[in-house]
């Protein structure tokens, strides 16, 4: 999820373990399309859902939930298997 790196930049937060954050987000919202995730994170990074003092997985999940409510979206499917194949992160903490 390259757009997470952009969100870190927009919120002036030092990036940390983007792969783990991506895994957590996809696990939390497996039915949401990649395009919707991208739009939600972009909106959050631009301040649409309020001011962010420190970017975290929790904050991004709040942005995504706000996006879902705001758009009453039809939910697509992200393949967790495809993410795991393309990522070094295996889901372990």
C-alpha atoms as a PDB file:
ATOM      1  CA  UNK A   1       0.000   0.000   0.000  1.00  0.00           C
ATOM      2  CA  UNK A   2       2.162   2.780  -1.312  1.00  0.00           C
ATOM      3  CA  UNK A   3      -0.505   5.323  -0.414  1.00  0.00           C
ATOM      4  CA  UNK A   4       0.231   4.738   3.290  1.00  0.00           C
ATOM      5  CA  UNK A   5       3.682   6.214   2.705  1.00  0.00           C
ATOM      6  CA  UNK A   6       2.014   9.314   1.251  1.00  0.00           C
ATOM      7  CA  UNK A   7      -0.275   9.522   4.306  1.00  0.00           C
ATOM      8  CA  UNK A   8       2.773   9.447   6.604  1.00  0.00           C
ATOM      9  CA  UNK A   9       4.229  12.321   4.603  1.00  0.00           C
ATOM     10  CA  UNK A  10       0.997  14.351   4.634  1.00  0.00           C
ATOM     11  CA  UNK A  11       0.597  13.950   8.388  1.00  0.00           C
ATOM     12  CA  UNK A  12       4.270  14.710   9.002  1.00  0.00           C
ATOM     13  CA  UNK A  13       4.699  11.404  10.837  1.00  0.00           C
ATOM     14  CA  UNK A  14       7.860   9.326  10.737  1.00  0.00           C
ATOM     15  CA  UNK A  15       7.013   6.124   8.795  1.00  0.00           C
ATOM     16  CA  UNK A  16       7.094   2.826  10.652  1.00  0.00           C
ATOM     17  CA  UNK A  17       6.411  -0.775   9.597  1.00  0.00           C
ATOM     18  CA  UNK A  18       4.111  -0.002   6.670  1.00  0.00           C
ATOM     19  CA  UNK A  19       3.867  -3.695   5.755  1.00  0.00           C
ATOM     20  CA  UNK A  20       2.506  -4.589   9.204  1.00  0.00           C
ATOM     21  CA  UNK A  21       0.065  -1.678   9.072  1.00  0.00           C
ATOM     22  CA  UNK A  22      -1.060  -2.761   5.578  1.00  0.00           C
ATOM     23  CA  UNK A  23      -1.588  -6.324   6.770  1.00  0.00           C
ATOM     24  CA  UNK A  24      -3.662  -5.139   9.749  1.00  0.00           C
ATOM     25  CA  UNK A  25      -5.809  -2.867   7.578  1.00  0.00           C
ATOM     26  CA  UNK A  26      -6.468  -5.528   4.944  1.00  0.00           C
ATOM     27  CA  UNK A  27      -7.279  -8.031   7.672  1.00  0.00           C
ATOM     28  CA  UNK A  28      -9.709  -5.562   9.284  1.00  0.00           C
ATOM     29  CA  UNK A  29     -11.383  -4.644   5.968  1.00  0.00           C
ATOM     30  CA  UNK A  30     -10.999  -7.715   3.702  1.00  0.00           C
ATOM     31  CA  UNK A  31     -14.167  -6.932   1.758  1.00  0.00           C
ATOM     32  CA  UNK A  32     -13.178  -3.356   0.865  1.00  0.00           C
ATOM     33  CA  UNK A  33     -11.739  -2.726  -2.598  1.00  0.00           C
ATOM     34  CA  UNK A  34      -8.190  -1.467  -2.984  1.00  0.00           C
ATOM     35  CA  UNK A  35      -9.505   1.661  -4.708  1.00  0.00           C
ATOM     36  CA  UNK A  36     -11.793   2.462  -1.755  1.00  0.00           C
ATOM     37  CA  UNK A  37      -8.926   1.955   0.707  1.00  0.00           C
ATOM     38  CA  UNK A  38      -6.781   4.293  -1.354  1.00  0.00           C
ATOM     39  CA  UNK A  39      -9.500   6.982  -1.416  1.00  0.00           C
ATOM     40  CA  UNK A  40     -10.188   6.655   2.329  1.00  0.00           C
ATOM     41  CA  UNK A  41      -6.500   6.964   3.221  1.00  0.00           C
ATOM     42  CA  UNK A  42      -6.045   9.888   0.832  1.00  0.00           C
ATOM     43  CA  UNK A  43      -9.044  11.700   2.354  1.00  0.00           C
ATOM     44  CA  UNK A  44      -7.770  11.056   5.875  1.00  0.00           C
ATOM     45  CA  UNK A  45      -4.261  12.195   4.989  1.00  0.00           C
ATOM     46  CA  UNK A  46      -5.707  15.426   3.610  1.00  0.00           C
ATOM     47  CA  UNK A  47      -7.590  16.075   6.869  1.00  0.00           C
ATOM     48  CA  UNK A  48     -11.127  15.304   5.705  1.00  0.00           C
ATOM     49  CA  UNK A  49     -11.861  13.244   8.838  1.00  0.00           C
ATOM     50  CA  UNK A  50     -10.235  15.594  11.332  1.00  0.00           C
ATOM     51  CA  UNK A  51      -6.760  16.521  12.455  1.00  0.00           C
ATOM     52  CA  UNK A  52      -4.242  13.717  12.928  1.00  0.00           C
ATOM     53  CA  UNK A  53      -1.565  14.206  15.546  1.00  0.00           C
ATOM     54  CA  UNK A  54       0.188  10.882  15.037  1.00  0.00           C
ATOM     55  CA  UNK A  55      -0.553   8.407  12.257  1.00  0.00           C
ATOM     56  CA  UNK A  56      -1.242   4.881  13.459  1.00  0.00           C
ATOM     57  CA  UNK A  57      -3.138   1.802  12.307  1.00  0.00           C
ATOM     58  CA  UNK A  58      -5.980   2.844  14.613  1.00  0.00           C
ATOM     59  CA  UNK A  59      -6.176   6.283  13.001  1.00  0.00           C
ATOM     60  CA  UNK A  60      -6.218   4.826   9.475  1.00  0.00           C
ATOM     61  CA  UNK A  61      -8.992   2.391  10.466  1.00  0.00           C
ATOM     62  CA  UNK A  62     -11.026   5.352  11.758  1.00  0.00           C
ATOM     63  CA  UNK A  63     -10.533   7.115   8.396  1.00  0.00           C
ATOM     64  CA  UNK A  64     -11.688   4.003   6.538  1.00  0.00           C
ATOM     65  CA  UNK A  65     -14.789   3.606   8.726  1.00  0.00           C
ATOM     66  CA  UNK A  66     -15.673   7.264   8.142  1.00  0.00           C
ATOM     67  CA  UNK A  67     -15.208   6.770   4.415  1.00  0.00           C
ATOM     68  CA  UNK A  68     -17.492   3.707   4.444  1.00  0.00           C
ATOM     69  CA  UNK A  69     -20.225   5.626   6.320  1.00  0.00           C
ATOM     70  CA  UNK A  70     -19.869   8.719   4.163  1.00  0.00           C
ATOM     71  CA  UNK A  71     -20.058   6.863   0.862  1.00  0.00           C
ATOM     72  CA  UNK A  72     -22.442   4.042   1.755  1.00  0.00           C
ATOM     73  CA  UNK A  73     -20.216   2.030  -0.531  1.00  0.00           C
ATOM     74  CA  UNK A  74     -20.825  -1.297  -2.139  1.00  0.00           C
ATOM     75  CA  UNK A  75     -18.048  -3.484  -0.846  1.00  0.00           C
ATOM     76  CA  UNK A  76     -15.632  -5.312  -3.153  1.00  0.00           C
ATOM     77  CA  UNK A  77     -13.002  -7.883  -2.223  1.00  0.00           C
ATOM     78  CA  UNK A  78      -9.273  -7.599  -1.537  1.00  0.00           C
ATOM     79  CA  UNK A  79      -7.366 -10.810  -1.661  1.00  0.00           C
ATOM     80  CA  UNK A  80      -5.423 -11.259   1.566  1.00  0.00           C
ATOM     81  CA  UNK A  81      -3.556 -14.096  -0.150  1.00  0.00           C
ATOM     82  CA  UNK A  82      -2.337 -11.726  -2.884  1.00  0.00           C
ATOM     83  CA  UNK A  83      -1.146  -9.248  -0.251  1.00  0.00           C
ATOM     84  CA  UNK A  84       0.716 -11.974   1.629  1.00  0.00           C
ATOM     85  CA  UNK A  85       2.390 -13.200  -1.561  1.00  0.00           C
ATOM     86  CA  UNK A  86       3.667  -9.714  -2.375  1.00  0.00           C
ATOM     87  CA  UNK A  87       4.686  -8.802   1.178  1.00  0.00           C
ATOM     88  CA  UNK A  88       7.541  -9.836   3.447  1.00  0.00           C
ATOM     89  CA  UNK A  89       5.266  -9.416   6.484  1.00  0.00           C
ATOM     90  CA  UNK A  90       3.684 -12.720   7.578  1.00  0.00           C
ATOM     91  CA  UNK A  91       1.161 -11.452  10.123  1.00  0.00           C
ATOM     92  CA  UNK A  92       3.198 -12.233  13.220  1.00  0.00           C
ATOM     93  CA  UNK A  93       3.747  -9.594  15.901  1.00  0.00           C
END
